[in-house]
Amino acid sequence: MEPPSYEEASLSPPVVSSAVFIVPPPPSYDVSQHSPPTPPPTYGEAVTVQPGPFPVLTPPQIQTQAASPSRNTGVIIHPVTQIGVSSVSSRQTQPVVTQQPPPVPVALSYLGDVPAVVRCPHCHHIVTTKVTYHPGKAAWCTCLLLSLMGLVCGCCLIPFMVHSLQDVHHSCPHCERHLHTNPR
């Protein structure tokens, strides 16, 4: 079956109703935006003076009015929210002092690549470990691999300078005794 010609198609009624595509016009630009009943507070009204070097903003207090019918029109007015601002107070407040909790020592088996807080089993002090790096199996194997590839002119010594290829030795800075080795 062939499609209809242009003349035949123009004689048939449209398939889709044009009422579906009616779009209302945009709102008028002359309508003013709703403005709040009160202007925003001034800086002096919104800031509470503290004895410290920085002012502190006080949170606004929200007050609502109940809905009531209007006398003239009988229309119900929606509840209005007003923001009240507390006045500037000059009361003296004590600064809040917080104290950090003491560090919790970790077990020696959990020591990794970085210094950590531990309790030394030798001197029983809580210390931050001293970390040193010494060549281990990974550094020697990488050096051997580089020398087998022909990089003998000093390039095979690079693994001895890379910390991620070396073993990590933790020791106590107080008694200088060895605590743990993290092998590679």
C-alpha atoms as a PDB file:
ATOM      1  CA  MET A   1       0.000   0.000   0.000  1.00  0.00           C
ATOM      2  CA  GLU A   2       1.310   3.424  -0.949  1.00  0.00           C
ATOM      3  CA  PRO A   3       1.139   6.461   1.303  1.00  0.00           C
ATOM      4  CA  PRO A   4      -1.468   9.099   0.359  1.00  0.00           C
ATOM      5  CA  SER A   5      -0.473  12.022  -1.797  1.00  0.00           C
ATOM      6  CA  TYR A   6      -0.078  15.524  -0.385  1.00  0.00           C
ATOM      7  CA  GLU A   7      -3.526  16.593  -1.611  1.00  0.00           C
ATOM      8  CA  GLU A   8      -5.239  13.554  -0.120  1.00  0.00           C
ATOM      9  CA  ALA A   9      -3.451  13.995   3.216  1.00  0.00           C
ATOM     10  CA  SER A  10      -4.385  17.689   3.451  1.00  0.00           C
ATOM     11  CA  LEU A  11      -8.115  16.851   2.956  1.00  0.00           C
ATOM     12  CA  SER A  12      -8.229  14.471   5.928  1.00  0.00           C
ATOM     13  CA  PRO A  13      -8.835  15.872   9.444  1.00  0.00           C
ATOM     14  CA  PRO A  14      -5.800  16.219  11.786  1.00  0.00           C
ATOM     15  CA  VAL A  15      -5.115  13.199  13.953  1.00  0.00           C
ATOM     16  CA  VAL A  16      -4.085  15.078  17.128  1.00  0.00           C
ATOM     17  CA  SER A  17      -6.387  17.608  18.760  1.00  0.00           C
ATOM     18  CA  SER A  18      -4.965  21.119  18.839  1.00  0.00           C
ATOM     19  CA  ALA A  19      -6.514  21.738  22.293  1.00  0.00           C
ATOM     20  CA  VAL A  20      -3.770  19.643  23.861  1.00  0.00           C
ATOM     21  CA  PHE A  21      -1.092  22.098  22.756  1.00  0.00           C
ATOM     22  CA  ILE A  22      -2.641  25.282  24.141  1.00  0.00           C
ATOM     23  CA  VAL A  23      -0.129  26.904  26.469  1.00  0.00           C
ATOM     24  CA  PRO A  24      -1.203  29.706  28.793  1.00  0.00           C
ATOM     25  CA  PRO A  25       0.699  32.985  28.392  1.00  0.00           C
ATOM     26  CA  PRO A  26       3.519  33.771  30.825  1.00  0.00           C
ATOM     27  CA  PRO A  27       2.737  35.885  33.884  1.00  0.00           C
ATOM     28  CA  SER A  28       2.860  39.631  33.569  1.00  0.00           C
ATOM     29  CA  TYR A  29       6.128  41.301  34.426  1.00  0.00           C
ATOM     30  CA  ASP A  30       4.339  44.223  36.045  1.00  0.00           C
ATOM     31  CA  VAL A  31       3.302  42.119  39.047  1.00  0.00           C
ATOM     32  CA  SER A  32       5.556  42.956  41.976  1.00  0.00           C
ATOM     33  CA  GLN A  33       7.163  40.231  44.033  1.00  0.00           C
ATOM     34  CA  HIS A  34       5.880  39.570  47.537  1.00  0.00           C
ATOM     35  CA  SER A  35       8.061  41.431  50.010  1.00  0.00           C
ATOM     36  CA  PRO A  36       8.454  40.411  53.646  1.00  0.00           C
ATOM     37  CA  PRO A  37       6.527  42.496  56.199  1.00  0.00           C
ATOM     38  CA  THR A  38       9.724  43.601  57.948  1.00  0.00           C
ATOM     39  CA  PRO A  39      13.156  44.428  56.519  1.00  0.00           C
ATOM     40  CA  PRO A  40      16.085  42.199  57.417  1.00  0.00           C
ATOM     41  CA  PRO A  41      17.890  43.053  60.656  1.00  0.00           C
ATOM     42  CA  THR A  42      20.844  45.401  60.667  1.00  0.00           C
ATOM     43  CA  TYR A  43      24.293  44.137  61.508  1.00  0.00           C
ATOM     44  CA  GLY A  44      24.101  45.557  65.022  1.00  0.00           C
ATOM     45  CA  GLU A  45      20.771  43.822  65.658  1.00  0.00           C
ATOM     46  CA  ALA A  46      21.908  40.444  64.328  1.00  0.00           C
ATOM     47  CA  VAL A  47      25.270  40.253  66.105  1.00  0.00           C
ATOM     48  CA  THR A  48      25.759  39.453  69.764  1.00  0.00           C
ATOM     49  CA  VAL A  49      28.849  41.080  71.240  1.00  0.00           C
ATOM     50  CA  GLN A  50      31.178  38.558  72.870  1.00  0.00           C
ATOM     51  CA  PRO A  51      34.349  39.276  74.830  1.00  0.00           C
ATOM     52  CA  GLY A  52      36.404  37.432  72.195  1.00  0.00           C
ATOM     53  CA  PRO A  53      37.747  38.935  68.958  1.00  0.00           C
ATOM     54  CA  PHE A  54      34.933  37.589  66.744  1.00  0.00           C
ATOM     55  CA  PRO A  55      31.220  38.506  66.883  1.00  0.00           C
ATOM     56  CA  VAL A  56      28.671  35.698  67.079  1.00  0.00           C
ATOM     57  CA  LEU A  57      25.476  35.713  65.017  1.00  0.00           C
ATOM     58  CA  THR A  58      22.364  34.949  67.012  1.00  0.00           C
ATOM     59  CA  PRO A  59      19.772  32.706  65.388  1.00  0.00           C
ATOM     60  CA  PRO A  60      16.480  34.440  64.583  1.00  0.00           C
ATOM     61  CA  GLN A  61      13.385  33.518  66.554  1.00  0.00           C
ATOM     62  CA  ILE A  62      10.346  32.545  64.463  1.00  0.00           C
ATOM     63  CA  GLN A  63       6.903  33.762  65.514  1.00  0.00           C
ATOM     64  CA  THR A  64       3.725  32.737  63.690  1.00  0.00           C
ATOM     65  CA  GLN A  65       0.294  34.331  63.680  1.00  0.00           C
ATOM     66  CA  ALA A  66      -2.842  32.194  63.398  1.00  0.00           C
ATOM     67  CA  ALA A  67      -5.048  32.375  60.301  1.00  0.00           C
ATOM     68  CA  SER A  68      -7.991  34.710  60.671  1.00  0.00           C
ATOM     69  CA  PRO A  69     -10.826  35.788  58.344  1.00  0.00           C
ATOM     70  CA  SER A  70     -10.593  39.283  56.913  1.00  0.00           C
ATOM     71  CA  ARG A  71     -13.388  41.701  57.904  1.00  0.00           C
ATOM     72  CA  ASN A  72     -14.050  43.195  54.478  1.00  0.00           C
ATOM     73  CA  THR A  73     -13.847  40.292  52.065  1.00  0.00           C
ATOM     74  CA  GLY A  74     -14.431  37.161  54.139  1.00  0.00           C
ATOM     75  CA  VAL A  75     -11.229  35.660  52.690  1.00  0.00           C
ATOM     76  CA  ILE A  76      -9.009  33.671  55.021  1.00  0.00           C
ATOM     77  CA  ILE A  77      -5.531  35.187  55.336  1.00  0.00           C
ATOM     78  CA  HIS A  78      -2.722  32.626  55.403  1.00  0.00           C
ATOM     79  CA  PRO A  79      -0.483  32.431  58.477  1.00  0.00           C
ATOM     80  CA  VAL A  80       2.339  34.946  58.377  1.00  0.00           C
ATOM     81  CA  THR A  81       5.783  34.123  59.646  1.00  0.00           C
ATOM     82  CA  GLN A  82       7.712  36.974  61.195  1.00  0.00           C
ATOM     83  CA  ILE A  83      11.320  36.745  62.165  1.00  0.00           C
ATOM     84  CA  GLY A  84      12.196  38.495  65.383  1.00  0.00           C
ATOM     85  CA  VAL A  85      15.760  39.442  66.172  1.00  0.00           C
ATOM     86  CA  SER A  86      17.153  39.419  69.664  1.00  0.00           C
ATOM     87  CA  SER A  87      18.807  42.587  70.798  1.00  0.00           C
ATOM     88  CA  VAL A  88      22.526  42.959  71.291  1.00  0.00           C
ATOM     89  CA  SER A  89      23.554  41.727  74.680  1.00  0.00           C
ATOM     90  CA  SER A  90      26.726  42.629  76.498  1.00  0.00           C
ATOM     91  CA  ARG A  91      26.733  39.780  78.993  1.00  0.00           C
ATOM     92  CA  GLN A  92      30.048  38.180  79.768  1.00  0.00           C
ATOM     93  CA  THR A  93      30.272  34.464  79.033  1.00  0.00           C
ATOM     94  CA  GLN A  94      33.007  32.103  80.018  1.00  0.00           C
ATOM     95  CA  PRO A  95      34.906  30.554  77.097  1.00  0.00           C
ATOM     96  CA  VAL A  96      34.331  26.846  76.651  1.00  0.00           C
ATOM     97  CA  VAL A  97      37.514  24.874  77.134  1.00  0.00           C
ATOM     98  CA  THR A  98      37.668  21.429  75.601  1.00  0.00           C
ATOM     99  CA  GLN A  99      40.441  18.992  76.152  1.00  0.00           C
ATOM    100  CA  GLN A 100      41.562  16.334  73.725  1.00  0.00           C
ATOM    101  CA  PRO A 101      41.418  12.781  74.968  1.00  0.00           C
ATOM    102  CA  PRO A 102      44.770  11.116  75.565  1.00  0.00           C
ATOM    103  CA  PRO A 103      46.135   9.073  72.645  1.00  0.00           C
ATOM    104  CA  VAL A 104      45.208   5.409  72.642  1.00  0.00           C
ATOM    105  CA  PRO A 105      48.216   3.129  72.164  1.00  0.00           C
ATOM    106  CA  VAL A 106      47.963   0.561  69.372  1.00  0.00           C
ATOM    107  CA  ALA A 107      49.193  -3.016  69.466  1.00  0.00           C
ATOM    108  CA  LEU A 108      52.677  -3.620  68.099  1.00  0.00           C
ATOM    109  CA  SER A 109      51.328  -5.968  65.436  1.00  0.00           C
ATOM    110  CA  TYR A 110      49.317  -3.076  63.874  1.00  0.00           C
ATOM    111  CA  LEU A 111      52.336  -0.857  63.229  1.00  0.00           C
ATOM    112  CA  GLY A 112      52.693   0.133  59.592  1.00  0.00           C
ATOM    113  CA  ASP A 113      54.802   2.594  57.612  1.00  0.00           C
ATOM    114  CA  VAL A 114      54.291   5.664  59.793  1.00  0.00           C
ATOM    115  CA  PRO A 115      55.117   6.396  63.442  1.00  0.00           C
ATOM    116  CA  ALA A 116      52.379   5.393  65.877  1.00  0.00           C
ATOM    117  CA  VAL A 117      51.560   5.759  69.574  1.00  0.00           C
ATOM    118  CA  VAL A 118      52.390   2.552  71.490  1.00  0.00           C
ATOM    119  CA  ARG A 119      53.199   1.414  75.003  1.00  0.00           C
ATOM    120  CA  CYS A 120      56.798   0.267  75.026  1.00  0.00           C
ATOM    121  CA  PRO A 121      56.995  -3.290  76.431  1.00  0.00           C
ATOM    122  CA  HIS A 122      60.514  -2.606  77.745  1.00  0.00           C
ATOM    123  CA  CYS A 123      60.232   0.765  79.549  1.00  0.00           C
ATOM    124  CA  HIS A 124      56.376   0.830  79.812  1.00  0.00           C
ATOM    125  CA  HIS A 125      56.134   4.451  78.588  1.00  0.00           C
ATOM    126  CA  ILE A 126      53.523   5.574  76.068  1.00  0.00           C
ATOM    127  CA  VAL A 127      55.620   6.891  73.172  1.00  0.00           C
ATOM    128  CA  THR A 128      55.429   7.682  69.478  1.00  0.00           C
ATOM    129  CA  THR A 129      57.691   5.218  67.717  1.00  0.00           C
ATOM    130  CA  LYS A 130      60.841   6.265  65.871  1.00  0.00           C
ATOM    131  CA  VAL A 131      60.816   4.906  62.305  1.00  0.00           C
ATOM    132  CA  THR A 132      63.900   3.894  60.318  1.00  0.00           C
ATOM    133  CA  TYR A 133      64.093   2.237  56.905  1.00  0.00           C
ATOM    134  CA  HIS A 134      66.461  -0.647  56.099  1.00  0.00           C
ATOM    135  CA  PRO A 135      66.750  -2.580  52.803  1.00  0.00           C
ATOM    136  CA  GLY A 136      64.766  -5.797  52.853  1.00  0.00           C
ATOM    137  CA  LYS A 137      63.883  -8.580  50.444  1.00  0.00           C
ATOM    138  CA  ALA A 138      61.888  -6.305  48.113  1.00  0.00           C
ATOM    139  CA  ALA A 139      64.808  -3.871  47.683  1.00  0.00           C
ATOM    140  CA  TRP A 140      67.338  -6.663  47.047  1.00  0.00           C
ATOM    141  CA  CYS A 141      65.058  -8.487  44.576  1.00  0.00           C
ATOM    142  CA  THR A 142      64.376  -5.269  42.658  1.00  0.00           C
ATOM    143  CA  CYS A 143      68.102  -4.494  42.576  1.00  0.00           C
ATOM    144  CA  LEU A 144      68.824  -7.995  41.207  1.00  0.00           C
ATOM    145  CA  LEU A 145      66.067  -7.642  38.576  1.00  0.00           C
ATOM    146  CA  LEU A 146      67.380  -4.238  37.420  1.00  0.00           C
ATOM    147  CA  SER A 147      70.946  -5.536  37.183  1.00  0.00           C
ATOM    148  CA  LEU A 148      69.765  -8.558  35.120  1.00  0.00           C
ATOM    149  CA  MET A 149      68.030  -6.128  32.752  1.00  0.00           C
ATOM    150  CA  GLY A 150      71.379  -4.418  32.159  1.00  0.00           C
ATOM    151  CA  LEU A 151      71.014  -1.367  34.410  1.00  0.00           C
ATOM    152  CA  VAL A 152      74.334  -1.883  36.189  1.00  0.00           C
ATOM    153  CA  CYS A 153      75.707   1.700  36.050  1.00  0.00           C
ATOM    154  CA  GLY A 154      74.175   2.719  39.386  1.00  0.00           C
ATOM    155  CA  CYS A 155      70.529   2.436  38.349  1.00  0.00           C
ATOM    156  CA  CYS A 156      70.303  -0.904  40.128  1.00  0.00           C
ATOM    157  CA  LEU A 157      70.935   0.950  43.426  1.00  0.00           C
ATOM    158  CA  ILE A 158      67.713   2.984  43.170  1.00  0.00           C
ATOM    159  CA  PRO A 159      65.634   0.442  45.208  1.00  0.00           C
ATOM    160  CA  PHE A 160      67.899   1.114  48.199  1.00  0.00           C
ATOM    161  CA  MET A 161      66.720   4.756  48.219  1.00  0.00           C
ATOM    162  CA  VAL A 162      62.980   4.121  47.795  1.00  0.00           C
ATOM    163  CA  HIS A 163      61.234   3.850  51.195  1.00  0.00           C
ATOM    164  CA  SER A 164      58.310   1.858  49.814  1.00  0.00           C
ATOM    165  CA  LEU A 165      60.711  -1.015  48.939  1.00  0.00           C
ATOM    166  CA  GLN A 166      62.451  -1.077  52.339  1.00  0.00           C
ATOM    167  CA  ASP A 167      61.537  -2.691  55.657  1.00  0.00           C
ATOM    168  CA  VAL A 168      60.194  -0.339  58.338  1.00  0.00           C
ATOM    169  CA  HIS A 169      61.794  -0.662  61.797  1.00  0.00           C
ATOM    170  CA  HIS A 170      59.981   0.854  64.795  1.00  0.00           C
ATOM    171  CA  SER A 171      61.932   1.639  67.954  1.00  0.00           C
ATOM    172  CA  CYS A 172      61.230   3.380  71.256  1.00  0.00           C
ATOM    173  CA  PRO A 173      62.659   6.919  71.408  1.00  0.00           C
ATOM    174  CA  HIS A 174      62.865   6.694  75.210  1.00  0.00           C
ATOM    175  CA  CYS A 175      64.848   3.487  75.708  1.00  0.00           C
ATOM    176  CA  GLU A 176      66.080   3.067  72.072  1.00  0.00           C
ATOM    177  CA  ARG A 177      65.030  -0.623  71.977  1.00  0.00           C
ATOM    178  CA  HIS A 178      63.599  -2.299  68.869  1.00  0.00           C
ATOM    179  CA  LEU A 179      59.803  -2.723  68.958  1.00  0.00           C
ATOM    180  CA  HIS A 180      58.607  -4.050  65.572  1.00  0.00           C
ATOM    181  CA  THR A 181      59.636  -4.610  61.955  1.00  0.00           C
ATOM    182  CA  ASN A 182      57.183  -4.162  59.097  1.00  0.00           C
ATOM    183  CA  PRO A 183      58.708  -6.283  56.289  1.00  0.00           C
ATOM    184  CA  ARG A 184      58.224  -5.714  52.549  1.00  0.00           C
END
